[in-house]
Amino acid sequence: MRRVGVIAALGALLGLLGGMATAAPALARGPKWQFQPAEPFTLDASFCGFEIGVSFPVDKQYAKVLKAADGSMTFLITGAGRVSLTNLETGKTLTESLSGPAKFTVHPDGSATLHGRGRGLAIFTPADAARFGLPTVSVDAGAGTVEIAPDGTFTAVSLRGHVLVDVCTALS
């Protein structure tokens, strides 16, 4: 469950659930930038008490991969998009703008660091949300950092901004 929460949170926050290896080059962004298609997914009821359908009606996210001599890989993400979140029981939907940029670094030991700015979608398991004092699903604005251990657990989360929308409350 924790691993699914980590994957969902990072995928949604970055707007990329598509694979880096299969993305087409984005020549308009310059060399080595690749378009990142965001795939729709469903959050199970453990996050808000009801299932949430997540889709990306506007998807203009691009990424570039930088490899360091120490073996770390940094993904630079830029672009903009919109996310639609639907309560699958009631059909109630909200659509929010997302923007970047973000930098996601996977360290040689398997740990990772995410630095983001702008508007983003954050998804945490209920336990992690309680631990860090944040909603389980939210649209946030400002700068934020997430530290992730090699096993996928969040070790630190900081938001230097504010929660724009508590999605669970807005869709209930």
Protein backbone atom coordinates (compact mmCIF):
# COMPACT_ATOMS: atom_id res chain seq x y z
CA MET A 1 0.00 0.00 0.00
CA ARG A 2 2.79 2.45 0.86
CA ARG A 3 4.57 1.76 -2.45
CA VAL A 4 1.32 2.42 -4.37
CA GLY A 5 0.89 5.70 -2.46
CA VAL A 6 4.44 6.76 -3.31
CA ILE A 7 4.02 5.92 -6.97
CA ALA A 8 0.65 7.66 -7.17
CA ALA A 9 1.89 10.71 -5.33
CA LEU A 10 4.96 11.17 -7.45
CA GLY A 11 3.21 10.35 -10.68
CA ALA A 12 0.44 12.78 -10.02
CA LEU A 13 2.68 15.47 -8.61
CA LEU A 14 4.96 15.36 -11.61
CA GLY A 15 2.21 14.74 -14.11
CA LEU A 16 4.05 11.84 -15.59
CA LEU A 17 2.85 8.34 -15.45
CA GLY A 18 4.12 7.48 -18.91
CA GLY A 19 7.51 5.86 -19.39
CA MET A 20 10.65 7.89 -19.98
CA ALA A 21 11.98 5.38 -22.47
CA THR A 22 8.94 5.47 -24.73
CA ALA A 23 8.38 9.22 -24.88
CA ALA A 24 8.78 11.00 -28.19
CA PRO A 25 11.33 13.81 -28.45
CA ALA A 26 9.95 17.28 -27.87
CA LEU A 27 11.96 19.30 -30.35
CA ALA A 28 10.07 22.48 -29.53
CA ARG A 29 11.56 22.33 -26.00
CA GLY A 30 15.08 21.78 -27.30
CA PRO A 31 17.36 18.77 -27.40
CA LYS A 32 16.84 15.93 -24.94
CA TRP A 33 13.42 17.17 -23.70
CA GLN A 34 10.78 14.47 -24.00
CA PHE A 35 7.01 14.77 -23.85
CA GLN A 36 5.61 12.87 -20.86
CA PRO A 37 2.12 11.51 -21.44
CA ALA A 38 0.16 11.33 -18.20
CA GLU A 39 -2.10 8.29 -17.99
CA PRO A 40 -5.42 8.36 -16.10
CA PHE A 41 -5.64 6.28 -12.95
CA THR A 42 -7.98 5.57 -10.04
CA LEU A 43 -7.20 6.23 -6.39
CA ASP A 44 -8.81 3.59 -4.20
CA ALA A 45 -11.20 4.52 -1.41
CA SER A 46 -8.50 4.34 1.28
CA PHE A 47 -7.39 7.88 0.37
CA CYS A 48 -10.71 9.77 0.71
CA GLY A 49 -13.38 7.23 1.63
CA PHE A 50 -14.46 6.95 -2.03
CA GLU A 51 -12.67 6.16 -5.29
CA ILE A 52 -11.30 9.10 -7.25
CA GLY A 53 -10.77 9.02 -11.01
CA VAL A 54 -7.73 11.09 -11.97
CA SER A 55 -7.25 12.24 -15.56
CA PHE A 56 -5.24 14.90 -17.36
CA PRO A 57 -7.37 16.75 -19.95
CA VAL A 58 -4.48 19.13 -20.71
CA ASP A 59 -1.06 17.50 -20.71
CA LYS A 60 1.97 19.57 -21.71
CA GLN A 61 4.66 18.10 -19.46
CA TYR A 62 8.23 17.62 -20.66
CA ALA A 63 11.23 16.03 -18.97
CA LYS A 64 14.96 15.84 -19.43
CA VAL A 65 17.16 13.23 -17.77
CA LEU A 66 20.59 14.16 -16.40
CA LYS A 67 22.98 11.41 -15.29
CA ALA A 68 25.72 12.19 -12.78
CA ALA A 69 29.09 10.47 -12.35
CA ASP A 70 28.01 9.15 -8.92
CA GLY A 71 25.19 7.18 -10.55
CA SER A 72 22.35 9.49 -9.56
CA MET A 73 19.75 10.46 -12.13
CA THR A 74 17.94 13.79 -12.10
CA PHE A 75 14.70 14.31 -13.98
CA LEU A 76 13.94 17.95 -14.79
CA ILE A 77 10.23 18.49 -15.41
CA THR A 78 8.63 21.55 -16.94
CA GLY A 79 5.37 22.44 -18.57
CA ALA A 80 1.77 22.81 -17.59
CA GLY A 81 -1.44 20.89 -17.54
CA ARG A 82 -4.79 20.37 -15.93
CA VAL A 83 -5.94 17.54 -13.71
CA SER A 84 -9.55 16.40 -13.37
CA LEU A 85 -10.52 14.58 -10.19
CA THR A 86 -13.86 12.78 -10.06
CA ASN A 87 -15.66 11.20 -7.11
CA LEU A 88 -16.64 7.93 -8.81
CA GLU A 89 -19.64 7.45 -6.49
CA THR A 90 -21.30 10.83 -7.09
CA GLY A 91 -19.78 11.96 -10.39
CA LYS A 92 -18.74 15.28 -8.82
CA THR A 93 -15.63 16.58 -10.62
CA LEU A 94 -13.15 19.36 -10.09
CA THR A 95 -10.51 20.45 -12.57
CA GLU A 96 -7.39 22.32 -11.49
CA SER A 97 -4.37 23.80 -13.25
CA LEU A 98 -0.97 22.24 -12.60
CA SER A 99 2.38 23.84 -13.35
CA GLY A 100 6.02 23.21 -12.67
CA PRO A 101 8.87 23.13 -12.66
CA ALA A 102 10.10 20.18 -10.64
CA LYS A 103 13.35 18.32 -10.14
CA PHE A 104 13.28 14.65 -9.13
CA THR A 105 16.62 13.04 -8.22
CA VAL A 106 17.10 9.31 -7.67
CA HIS A 107 20.27 8.80 -5.63
CA PRO A 108 22.65 5.82 -6.00
CA ASP A 109 21.34 4.22 -2.78
CA GLY A 110 17.79 4.21 -4.19
CA SER A 111 16.55 7.14 -2.12
CA ALA A 112 15.03 10.11 -3.94
CA THR A 113 14.42 13.82 -3.54
CA LEU A 114 11.65 15.80 -5.20
CA HIS A 115 11.77 19.61 -5.34
CA GLY A 116 8.76 21.27 -6.91
CA ARG A 117 7.42 24.79 -7.39
CA GLY A 118 4.16 26.14 -8.70
CA ARG A 119 0.89 24.23 -8.49
CA GLY A 120 0.94 20.49 -7.97
CA LEU A 121 -1.20 17.52 -7.05
CA ALA A 122 -0.06 15.81 -3.85
CA ILE A 123 -1.26 12.36 -2.80
CA PHE A 124 -0.33 10.79 0.54
CA THR A 125 -1.51 7.70 2.34
CA PRO A 126 -3.72 8.59 5.32
CA ALA A 127 -0.87 7.70 7.72
CA ASP A 128 1.63 9.93 5.90
CA ALA A 129 -0.91 12.75 5.60
CA ALA A 130 -1.46 12.65 9.37
CA ARG A 131 2.26 12.46 10.06
CA PHE A 132 3.05 15.51 7.92
CA GLY A 133 -0.12 17.49 8.71
CA LEU A 134 -1.38 17.57 5.11
CA PRO A 135 -4.54 16.33 3.35
CA THR A 136 -4.37 12.90 1.71
CA VAL A 137 -5.16 14.42 -1.71
CA SER A 138 -4.64 18.12 -2.41
CA VAL A 139 -3.72 20.74 -4.96
CA ASP A 140 -0.91 22.84 -3.49
CA ALA A 141 0.82 26.07 -4.51
CA GLY A 142 4.35 27.14 -3.70
CA ALA A 143 7.61 25.31 -3.20
CA GLY A 144 7.77 21.85 -1.72
CA THR A 145 10.29 19.11 -1.04
CA VAL A 146 9.72 15.40 -0.51
CA GLU A 147 12.46 13.03 0.69
CA ILE A 148 11.92 9.33 -0.03
CA ALA A 149 13.83 6.39 1.47
CA PRO A 150 15.04 3.51 -0.73
CA ASP A 151 12.06 1.40 0.44
CA GLY A 152 9.62 4.05 -0.85
CA THR A 153 8.63 5.56 2.50
CA PHE A 154 8.43 9.32 2.83
CA THR A 155 11.04 10.49 5.34
CA ALA A 156 10.36 14.24 5.12
CA VAL A 157 7.81 16.51 3.46
CA SER A 158 7.86 20.29 3.53
CA LEU A 159 5.51 22.73 1.84
CA ARG A 160 6.58 26.35 1.65
CA GLY A 161 3.30 27.49 0.23
CA HIS A 162 -0.27 26.51 0.91
CA VAL A 163 -2.97 23.97 0.18
CA LEU A 164 -5.31 25.39 -2.47
CA VAL A 165 -7.83 22.54 -2.51
CA ASP A 166 -8.37 19.67 -0.11
CA VAL A 167 -9.67 17.30 -2.79
CA CYS A 168 -11.39 14.83 -0.45
CA THR A 169 -13.40 17.63 1.17
CA ALA A 170 -14.19 19.31 -2.14
CA LEU A 171 -15.45 16.06 -3.74
CA SER A 172 -17.39 14.70 -0.75
